[in-house]
Amino acid sequence: MDNETETIRRILQDSGDTWAVVGLSNNRSRAAFGVAQVLQRFGKRVVPVHPKAETVHGEQGYAS
């Protein structure tokens, strides 16, 4: 495993359980959508922050 992958894995395992993802919407083509999926796979709670305040991945969104 390369250093970058190991660093990312360590951050996800050792950091907080709730993450705000700015720009997260239901648009699957946006990077934030995929980031939120990965965070949830690691057991993190995702808080969507977006002007439309959509519910994404089952979590209530909050307007920015």
N, C-alpha and C. Protein backbone atom coordinates (compact mmCIF):
# COMPACT_ATOMS: atom_id res chain seq x y z
N MET A 1 0.86 -1.18 0.00
CA MET A 1 0.00 0.00 0.00
C MET A 1 0.90 1.24 0.00
N ASP A 2 0.60 2.20 -0.86
CA ASP A 2 1.45 3.39 -0.93
C ASP A 2 1.15 4.33 0.24
N ASN A 3 2.05 5.28 0.45
CA ASN A 3 1.94 6.20 1.59
C ASN A 3 0.66 7.02 1.56
N GLU A 4 0.24 7.47 0.38
CA GLU A 4 -0.96 8.29 0.29
C GLU A 4 -2.21 7.50 0.71
N THR A 5 -2.32 6.28 0.22
CA THR A 5 -3.45 5.44 0.57
C THR A 5 -3.46 5.15 2.07
N GLU A 6 -2.31 4.86 2.62
CA GLU A 6 -2.21 4.59 4.06
C GLU A 6 -2.57 5.83 4.87
N THR A 7 -2.16 7.00 4.43
CA THR A 7 -2.50 8.24 5.13
C THR A 7 -4.00 8.47 5.12
N ILE A 8 -4.63 8.28 3.98
CA ILE A 8 -6.09 8.45 3.89
C ILE A 8 -6.79 7.46 4.80
N ARG A 9 -6.39 6.22 4.78
CA ARG A 9 -6.99 5.19 5.64
C ARG A 9 -6.84 5.56 7.12
N ARG A 10 -5.67 6.04 7.50
CA ARG A 10 -5.43 6.42 8.90
C ARG A 10 -6.32 7.59 9.31
N ILE A 11 -6.45 8.59 8.44
CA ILE A 11 -7.30 9.75 8.73
C ILE A 11 -8.75 9.29 8.93
N LEU A 12 -9.23 8.43 8.06
CA LEU A 12 -10.61 7.97 8.15
C LEU A 12 -10.85 7.11 9.39
N GLN A 13 -9.87 6.33 9.79
CA GLN A 13 -10.04 5.46 10.95
C GLN A 13 -9.87 6.20 12.27
N ASP A 14 -9.01 7.21 12.30
CA ASP A 14 -8.65 7.85 13.56
C ASP A 14 -9.35 9.18 13.82
N SER A 15 -10.15 9.66 12.89
CA SER A 15 -10.75 10.99 13.06
C SER A 15 -12.19 10.88 13.53
N GLY A 16 -12.84 12.02 13.66
CA GLY A 16 -14.20 12.10 14.19
C GLY A 16 -15.21 11.27 13.43
N ASP A 17 -16.37 11.06 14.06
CA ASP A 17 -17.41 10.23 13.49
C ASP A 17 -18.39 11.00 12.61
N THR A 18 -18.39 12.33 12.69
CA THR A 18 -19.31 13.15 11.90
C THR A 18 -18.51 14.10 11.02
N TRP A 19 -18.83 14.09 9.73
CA TRP A 19 -18.12 14.92 8.76
C TRP A 19 -19.13 15.77 8.00
N ALA A 20 -18.88 17.06 7.88
CA ALA A 20 -19.66 17.94 7.01
C ALA A 20 -19.03 17.88 5.62
N VAL A 21 -19.87 17.67 4.61
CA VAL A 21 -19.38 17.63 3.23
C VAL A 21 -20.01 18.81 2.49
N VAL A 22 -19.20 19.83 2.26
CA VAL A 22 -19.67 21.05 1.61
C VAL A 22 -19.88 20.78 0.12
N GLY A 23 -21.04 21.20 -0.38
CA GLY A 23 -21.38 21.01 -1.78
C GLY A 23 -22.05 19.69 -2.08
N LEU A 24 -22.37 18.92 -1.04
CA LEU A 24 -22.98 17.61 -1.24
C LEU A 24 -24.43 17.73 -1.67
N SER A 25 -24.74 17.12 -2.80
CA SER A 25 -26.11 17.08 -3.32
C SER A 25 -26.37 15.67 -3.84
N ASN A 26 -27.53 15.46 -4.41
CA ASN A 26 -27.88 14.16 -4.99
C ASN A 26 -27.33 13.96 -6.40
N ASN A 27 -26.48 14.87 -6.85
CA ASN A 27 -25.88 14.77 -8.18
C ASN A 27 -24.72 13.77 -8.11
N ARG A 28 -24.94 12.57 -8.64
CA ARG A 28 -23.95 11.49 -8.57
C ARG A 28 -22.65 11.80 -9.32
N SER A 29 -22.68 12.76 -10.24
CA SER A 29 -21.48 13.07 -11.01
C SER A 29 -20.53 14.01 -10.27
N ARG A 30 -20.95 14.54 -9.14
CA ARG A 30 -20.10 15.46 -8.37
C ARG A 30 -19.19 14.68 -7.42
N ALA A 31 -18.00 15.18 -7.23
CA ALA A 31 -17.03 14.51 -6.35
C ALA A 31 -17.55 14.36 -4.93
N ALA A 32 -18.27 15.35 -4.44
CA ALA A 32 -18.77 15.31 -3.06
C ALA A 32 -19.67 14.10 -2.83
N PHE A 33 -20.41 13.68 -3.83
CA PHE A 33 -21.30 12.52 -3.70
C PHE A 33 -20.48 11.26 -3.41
N GLY A 34 -19.41 11.06 -4.17
CA GLY A 34 -18.54 9.90 -3.96
C GLY A 34 -17.79 9.97 -2.65
N VAL A 35 -17.34 11.15 -2.28
CA VAL A 35 -16.63 11.33 -1.01
C VAL A 35 -17.54 10.92 0.14
N ALA A 36 -18.80 11.36 0.08
CA ALA A 36 -19.75 11.02 1.14
C ALA A 36 -19.98 9.51 1.21
N GLN A 37 -20.03 8.85 0.07
CA GLN A 37 -20.20 7.39 0.06
C GLN A 37 -19.04 6.70 0.76
N VAL A 38 -17.83 7.14 0.47
CA VAL A 38 -16.65 6.54 1.09
C VAL A 38 -16.67 6.77 2.60
N LEU A 39 -17.00 7.98 3.01
CA LEU A 39 -17.06 8.28 4.44
C LEU A 39 -18.07 7.37 5.14
N GLN A 40 -19.23 7.19 4.53
CA GLN A 40 -20.23 6.31 5.13
C GLN A 40 -19.75 4.86 5.17
N ARG A 41 -19.01 4.43 4.18
CA ARG A 41 -18.45 3.08 4.19
C ARG A 41 -17.51 2.87 5.37
N PHE A 42 -16.86 3.95 5.79
CA PHE A 42 -15.97 3.89 6.95
C PHE A 42 -16.73 4.15 8.25
N GLY A 43 -18.06 4.17 8.19
CA GLY A 43 -18.88 4.32 9.38
C GLY A 43 -19.07 5.74 9.86
N LYS A 44 -18.77 6.70 9.02
CA LYS A 44 -18.90 8.11 9.41
C LYS A 44 -20.31 8.61 9.12
N ARG A 45 -20.78 9.54 9.95
CA ARG A 45 -22.04 10.24 9.68
C ARG A 45 -21.69 11.43 8.80
N VAL A 46 -22.45 11.61 7.73
CA VAL A 46 -22.21 12.69 6.78
C VAL A 46 -23.29 13.75 6.93
N VAL A 47 -22.89 15.01 7.03
CA VAL A 47 -23.83 16.12 7.09
C VAL A 47 -23.69 16.92 5.80
N PRO A 48 -24.70 16.84 4.92
CA PRO A 48 -24.64 17.59 3.66
C PRO A 48 -24.78 19.10 3.91
N VAL A 49 -23.90 19.88 3.30
CA VAL A 49 -23.97 21.34 3.37
C VAL A 49 -24.09 21.83 1.93
N HIS A 50 -25.25 22.41 1.61
CA HIS A 50 -25.54 22.80 0.23
C HIS A 50 -26.64 23.86 0.25
N PRO A 51 -26.60 24.84 -0.66
CA PRO A 51 -27.64 25.88 -0.66
C PRO A 51 -29.07 25.33 -0.72
N LYS A 52 -29.27 24.18 -1.38
CA LYS A 52 -30.61 23.61 -1.49
C LYS A 52 -31.01 22.78 -0.27
N ALA A 53 -30.06 22.48 0.60
CA ALA A 53 -30.30 21.72 1.83
C ALA A 53 -31.06 20.42 1.57
N GLU A 54 -30.60 19.65 0.59
CA GLU A 54 -31.24 18.38 0.24
C GLU A 54 -30.88 17.29 1.25
N THR A 55 -31.73 16.28 1.33
CA THR A 55 -31.39 15.07 2.06
C THR A 55 -30.58 14.19 1.11
N VAL A 56 -29.39 13.80 1.54
CA VAL A 56 -28.49 13.01 0.69
C VAL A 56 -27.98 11.83 1.51
N HIS A 57 -27.95 10.66 0.91
CA HIS A 57 -27.49 9.44 1.59
C HIS A 57 -28.22 9.24 2.92
N GLY A 58 -29.48 9.67 2.98
CA GLY A 58 -30.27 9.49 4.19
C GLY A 58 -30.03 10.51 5.28
N GLU A 59 -29.21 11.52 5.02
CA GLU A 59 -28.90 12.55 6.01
C GLU A 59 -29.49 13.89 5.60
N GLN A 60 -30.11 14.57 6.55
CA GLN A 60 -30.70 15.89 6.31
C GLN A 60 -29.62 16.89 5.94
N GLY A 61 -29.85 17.65 4.88
CA GLY A 61 -28.90 18.68 4.48
C GLY A 61 -29.15 20.00 5.18
N TYR A 62 -28.14 20.82 5.20
CA TYR A 62 -28.21 22.15 5.81
C TYR A 62 -27.73 23.18 4.80
N ALA A 63 -28.45 24.29 4.73
CA ALA A 63 -28.11 25.34 3.77
C ALA A 63 -26.81 26.03 4.17
N SER A 64 -26.04 26.37 3.16
CA SER A 64 -24.78 27.08 3.41
C SER A 64 -25.00 28.57 3.38
